[in-house]
Amino acid sequence: MALENPSLSVDKLKAKLKKKYPNHNFDIKAELDSTCKMGGRCPGNRAIYYDNDGNYFCGAQVKLMDPNSMEKSTRECGAFLVDLTIRKAEQKRRHNAQPLS
């Protein structure tokens, strides 16, 4: 497969980026974006999906139409739902807690 042997060396790319941005730590992951991409707040009746790390995201979609070309497109919010992730983690912690005896 083409993805298994990339022609670009990742180590060389890291070295270039570290040289260009010496004060940035590339080992720390960027925080997830919790802003709604549909211009406002996520609707209450939204679809919710989660990734492999257990983070929950807003799956609300809105259909848009370009007034010039009359072309239809679908746009998804995709905002990180911080409160739902914390709530699910708390439920998991309570479920796994052993009672004191």
N, C-alpha and C. Protein backbone atom coordinates (compact mmCIF):
# COMPACT_ATOMS: atom_id res chain seq x y z
N MET A 1 0.82 -1.18 0.00
CA MET A 1 0.00 0.00 0.00
C MET A 1 0.87 1.25 0.00
N ALA A 2 0.41 2.31 -0.56
CA ALA A 2 1.19 3.54 -0.67
C ALA A 2 1.39 4.22 0.67
N LEU A 3 0.47 4.04 1.60
CA LEU A 3 0.58 4.71 2.89
C LEU A 3 1.62 4.07 3.80
N GLU A 4 1.99 2.83 3.53
CA GLU A 4 2.94 2.14 4.40
C GLU A 4 4.36 2.66 4.21
N ASN A 5 4.74 3.06 3.03
CA ASN A 5 6.08 3.55 2.75
C ASN A 5 6.02 4.97 2.19
N PRO A 6 5.84 5.97 3.05
CA PRO A 6 5.75 7.33 2.53
C PRO A 6 7.12 7.81 2.03
N SER A 7 7.08 8.64 1.02
CA SER A 7 8.33 9.18 0.47
C SER A 7 8.88 10.30 1.35
N LEU A 8 8.06 10.86 2.21
CA LEU A 8 8.47 11.94 3.10
C LEU A 8 8.95 11.35 4.42
N SER A 9 10.10 11.76 4.87
CA SER A 9 10.63 11.29 6.14
C SER A 9 10.02 12.13 7.26
N VAL A 10 9.36 11.47 8.18
CA VAL A 10 8.70 12.17 9.28
C VAL A 10 9.73 12.80 10.21
N ASP A 11 10.85 12.11 10.41
CA ASP A 11 11.89 12.65 11.28
C ASP A 11 12.50 13.93 10.72
N LYS A 12 12.67 13.96 9.39
CA LYS A 12 13.18 15.18 8.75
C LYS A 12 12.19 16.33 8.89
N LEU A 13 10.91 16.01 8.74
CA LEU A 13 9.87 17.03 8.88
C LEU A 13 9.84 17.58 10.30
N LYS A 14 9.96 16.70 11.29
CA LYS A 14 9.99 17.16 12.69
C LYS A 14 11.19 18.06 12.94
N ALA A 15 12.32 17.68 12.40
CA ALA A 15 13.53 18.49 12.58
C ALA A 15 13.38 19.87 11.95
N LYS A 16 12.77 19.93 10.76
CA LYS A 16 12.53 21.22 10.10
C LYS A 16 11.60 22.11 10.93
N LEU A 17 10.51 21.48 11.42
CA LEU A 17 9.56 22.26 12.21
C LEU A 17 10.17 22.75 13.52
N LYS A 18 10.97 21.91 14.16
CA LYS A 18 11.62 22.33 15.41
C LYS A 18 12.61 23.45 15.15
N LYS A 19 13.27 23.42 14.00
CA LYS A 19 14.21 24.49 13.65
C LYS A 19 13.46 25.80 13.39
N LYS A 20 12.31 25.69 12.71
CA LYS A 20 11.53 26.89 12.37
C LYS A 20 10.81 27.46 13.60
N TYR A 21 10.31 26.58 14.48
CA TYR A 21 9.58 27.00 15.68
C TYR A 21 10.28 26.42 16.91
N PRO A 22 11.36 27.03 17.37
CA PRO A 22 12.14 26.44 18.48
C PRO A 22 11.42 26.45 19.83
N ASN A 23 10.47 27.34 20.04
CA ASN A 23 9.80 27.44 21.34
C ASN A 23 8.55 26.58 21.45
N HIS A 24 8.18 25.89 20.39
CA HIS A 24 6.96 25.08 20.41
C HIS A 24 7.28 23.62 20.75
N ASN A 25 6.49 23.04 21.65
CA ASN A 25 6.66 21.63 22.01
C ASN A 25 5.69 20.80 21.17
N PHE A 26 6.19 20.05 20.21
CA PHE A 26 5.36 19.28 19.30
C PHE A 26 4.91 17.95 19.91
N ASP A 27 5.40 17.60 21.09
CA ASP A 27 5.02 16.35 21.72
C ASP A 27 3.67 16.46 22.42
N ILE A 28 3.22 17.67 22.72
CA ILE A 28 1.94 17.88 23.39
C ILE A 28 0.85 18.00 22.34
N LYS A 29 -0.22 17.21 22.50
CA LYS A 29 -1.33 17.26 21.54
C LYS A 29 -2.11 18.57 21.71
N ALA A 30 -2.64 19.06 20.61
CA ALA A 30 -3.47 20.26 20.65
C ALA A 30 -4.81 19.92 21.28
N GLU A 31 -5.40 20.90 21.98
CA GLU A 31 -6.71 20.67 22.59
C GLU A 31 -7.77 20.57 21.51
N LEU A 32 -8.81 19.80 21.80
CA LEU A 32 -9.91 19.63 20.85
C LEU A 32 -10.74 20.90 20.77
N ASP A 33 -11.26 21.20 19.61
CA ASP A 33 -12.03 22.41 19.36
C ASP A 33 -13.46 22.22 19.84
N SER A 34 -13.89 23.06 20.77
CA SER A 34 -15.25 22.94 21.32
C SER A 34 -16.20 24.01 20.79
N THR A 35 -15.79 24.73 19.75
CA THR A 35 -16.68 25.75 19.19
C THR A 35 -17.54 25.13 18.09
N CYS A 36 -18.79 25.58 18.02
CA CYS A 36 -19.73 25.08 17.03
C CYS A 36 -19.38 25.69 15.68
N LYS A 37 -19.25 24.86 14.67
CA LYS A 37 -18.87 25.34 13.33
C LYS A 37 -20.07 25.81 12.52
N MET A 38 -21.26 25.79 13.10
CA MET A 38 -22.45 26.21 12.35
C MET A 38 -22.89 27.61 12.76
N GLY A 39 -22.04 28.34 13.46
CA GLY A 39 -22.35 29.72 13.80
C GLY A 39 -23.36 29.83 14.93
N GLY A 40 -22.97 29.41 16.10
CA GLY A 40 -23.87 29.48 17.25
C GLY A 40 -23.69 28.28 18.14
N ARG A 41 -24.75 27.96 18.86
CA ARG A 41 -24.70 26.82 19.77
C ARG A 41 -25.22 25.57 19.08
N CYS A 42 -24.74 24.43 19.55
CA CYS A 42 -25.22 23.17 19.01
C CYS A 42 -26.68 22.97 19.42
N PRO A 43 -27.50 22.46 18.53
CA PRO A 43 -28.91 22.25 18.88
C PRO A 43 -29.06 21.16 19.93
N GLY A 44 -30.16 21.21 20.68
CA GLY A 44 -30.40 20.24 21.73
C GLY A 44 -30.69 18.85 21.21
N ASN A 45 -31.27 18.73 20.05
CA ASN A 45 -31.62 17.42 19.50
C ASN A 45 -30.54 16.95 18.51
N ARG A 46 -29.30 17.11 18.90
CA ARG A 46 -28.19 16.80 18.01
C ARG A 46 -27.84 15.31 18.05
N ALA A 47 -27.23 14.85 17.00
CA ALA A 47 -26.66 13.51 16.99
C ALA A 47 -25.29 13.60 17.65
N ILE A 48 -24.91 12.57 18.37
CA ILE A 48 -23.64 12.57 19.09
C ILE A 48 -22.83 11.37 18.63
N TYR A 49 -21.56 11.57 18.39
CA TYR A 49 -20.66 10.46 18.08
C TYR A 49 -19.40 10.61 18.91
N TYR A 50 -18.65 9.52 19.03
CA TYR A 50 -17.42 9.56 19.81
C TYR A 50 -16.29 8.88 19.06
N ASP A 51 -15.06 9.24 19.45
CA ASP A 51 -13.89 8.65 18.79
C ASP A 51 -13.32 7.52 19.64
N ASN A 52 -12.18 6.99 19.23
CA ASN A 52 -11.58 5.85 19.93
C ASN A 52 -11.09 6.21 21.33
N ASP A 53 -10.84 7.49 21.59
CA ASP A 53 -10.37 7.92 22.90
C ASP A 53 -11.52 8.19 23.86
N GLY A 54 -12.77 8.05 23.42
CA GLY A 54 -13.92 8.29 24.28
C GLY A 54 -14.36 9.74 24.32
N ASN A 55 -13.88 10.58 23.41
CA ASN A 55 -14.30 11.97 23.35
C ASN A 55 -15.59 12.06 22.55
N TYR A 56 -16.54 12.85 23.03
CA TYR A 56 -17.84 13.00 22.39
C TYR A 56 -17.88 14.28 21.56
N PHE A 57 -18.50 14.18 20.38
CA PHE A 57 -18.57 15.30 19.45
C PHE A 57 -20.01 15.50 18.99
N CYS A 58 -20.33 16.75 18.65
CA CYS A 58 -21.65 17.09 18.13
C CYS A 58 -21.72 16.67 16.67
N GLY A 59 -22.74 15.92 16.31
CA GLY A 59 -22.89 15.46 14.94
C GLY A 59 -24.02 16.15 14.20
N ALA A 60 -24.44 17.32 14.70
CA ALA A 60 -25.53 18.05 14.05
C ALA A 60 -25.11 18.50 12.65
N GLN A 61 -26.02 18.36 11.71
CA GLN A 61 -25.75 18.75 10.33
C GLN A 61 -26.79 19.76 9.88
N VAL A 62 -26.36 20.65 9.01
CA VAL A 62 -27.27 21.63 8.43
C VAL A 62 -27.02 21.64 6.92
N LYS A 63 -28.09 21.76 6.17
CA LYS A 63 -27.98 21.80 4.71
C LYS A 63 -27.91 23.26 4.27
N LEU A 64 -26.91 23.57 3.47
CA LEU A 64 -26.70 24.93 2.99
C LEU A 64 -26.86 24.96 1.47
N MET A 65 -27.28 26.11 0.97
CA MET A 65 -27.40 26.29 -0.47
C MET A 65 -26.71 27.58 -0.85
N ASP A 66 -25.81 27.49 -1.81
CA ASP A 66 -25.11 28.66 -2.32
C ASP A 66 -26.07 29.46 -3.19
N PRO A 67 -26.33 30.73 -2.86
CA PRO A 67 -27.31 31.51 -3.63
C PRO A 67 -26.87 31.78 -5.07
N ASN A 68 -25.58 31.78 -5.33
CA ASN A 68 -25.10 32.07 -6.68
C ASN A 68 -25.22 30.87 -7.61
N SER A 69 -24.77 29.70 -7.13
CA SER A 69 -24.76 28.53 -8.00
C SER A 69 -25.91 27.56 -7.70
N MET A 70 -26.66 27.81 -6.64
CA MET A 70 -27.75 26.94 -6.21
C MET A 70 -27.25 25.53 -5.89
N GLU A 71 -26.00 25.42 -5.50
CA GLU A 71 -25.40 24.13 -5.16
C GLU A 71 -25.67 23.84 -3.69
N LYS A 72 -26.13 22.62 -3.40
CA LYS A 72 -26.44 22.22 -2.03
C LYS A 72 -25.23 21.52 -1.42
N SER A 73 -25.02 21.78 -0.14
CA SER A 73 -23.95 21.11 0.59
C SER A 73 -24.41 20.88 2.02
N THR A 74 -23.80 19.90 2.67
CA THR A 74 -24.11 19.59 4.06
C THR A 74 -22.91 19.96 4.91
N ARG A 75 -23.16 20.65 6.01
CA ARG A 75 -22.09 21.07 6.91
C ARG A 75 -22.35 20.47 8.28
N GLU A 76 -21.31 19.91 8.88
CA GLU A 76 -21.43 19.29 10.20
C GLU A 76 -20.75 20.15 11.24
N CYS A 77 -21.31 20.18 12.43
CA CYS A 77 -20.75 20.98 13.51
C CYS A 77 -19.42 20.40 13.97
N GLY A 78 -19.40 19.18 14.48
CA GLY A 78 -18.17 18.52 14.90
C GLY A 78 -17.51 19.09 16.13
N ALA A 79 -18.23 19.86 16.95
CA ALA A 79 -17.65 20.46 18.15
C ALA A 79 -17.43 19.41 19.23
N PHE A 80 -16.35 19.54 19.97
CA PHE A 80 -16.02 18.66 21.09
C PHE A 80 -16.94 19.01 22.25
N LEU A 81 -17.67 18.02 22.75
CA LEU A 81 -18.62 18.24 23.85
C LEU A 81 -17.93 17.93 25.17
N VAL A 82 -17.40 18.98 25.80
CA VAL A 82 -16.61 18.82 27.02
C VAL A 82 -17.47 18.28 28.15
N ASP A 83 -18.66 18.84 28.33
CA ASP A 83 -19.49 18.44 29.47
C ASP A 83 -19.93 16.98 29.36
N LEU A 84 -20.25 16.52 28.17
CA LEU A 84 -20.69 15.14 27.99
C LEU A 84 -19.54 14.17 28.23
N THR A 85 -18.33 14.53 27.81
CA THR A 85 -17.17 13.68 28.02
C THR A 85 -16.88 13.54 29.51
N ILE A 86 -16.97 14.64 30.24
CA ILE A 86 -16.72 14.61 31.68
C ILE A 86 -17.81 13.78 32.37
N ARG A 87 -19.06 13.95 31.95
CA ARG A 87 -20.16 13.21 32.55
C ARG A 87 -20.02 11.71 32.31
N LYS A 88 -19.66 11.31 31.09
CA LYS A 88 -19.47 9.88 30.78
C LYS A 88 -18.29 9.30 31.55
N ALA A 89 -17.21 10.08 31.70
CA ALA A 89 -16.05 9.61 32.46
C ALA A 89 -16.42 9.41 33.93
N GLU A 90 -17.24 10.31 34.47
CA GLU A 90 -17.69 10.18 35.86
C GLU A 90 -18.58 8.95 36.02
N GLN A 91 -19.48 8.69 35.07
CA GLN A 91 -20.32 7.50 35.14
C GLN A 91 -19.47 6.23 35.08
N LYS A 92 -18.46 6.22 34.24
CA LYS A 92 -17.57 5.06 34.13
C LYS A 92 -16.81 4.85 35.43
N ARG A 93 -16.34 5.94 36.03
CA ARG A 93 -15.61 5.85 37.29
C ARG A 93 -16.50 5.29 38.39
N ARG A 94 -17.74 5.77 38.47
CA ARG A 94 -18.68 5.28 39.49
C ARG A 94 -19.02 3.82 39.27
N HIS A 95 -19.16 3.41 38.00
CA HIS A 95 -19.50 2.03 37.69
C HIS A 95 -18.37 1.08 38.06
N ASN A 96 -17.12 1.52 37.91
CA ASN A 96 -15.97 0.68 38.19
C ASN A 96 -15.53 0.75 39.65
N ALA A 97 -16.12 1.64 40.44
CA ALA A 97 -15.71 1.79 41.85
C ALA A 97 -16.14 0.56 42.64
N GLN A 98 -15.24 0.09 43.47
CA GLN A 98 -15.54 -1.07 44.33
C GLN A 98 -16.14 -0.57 45.64
N PRO A 99 -17.18 -1.22 46.13
CA PRO A 99 -17.75 -0.80 47.42
C PRO A 99 -16.80 -1.14 48.56
N LEU A 100 -16.81 -0.27 49.58
CA LEU A 100 -15.95 -0.51 50.75
C LEU A 100 -16.55 -1.63 51.59
N SER A 101 -15.71 -2.52 52.07
CA SER A 101 -16.23 -3.60 52.92
C SER A 101 -15.44 -3.72 54.19
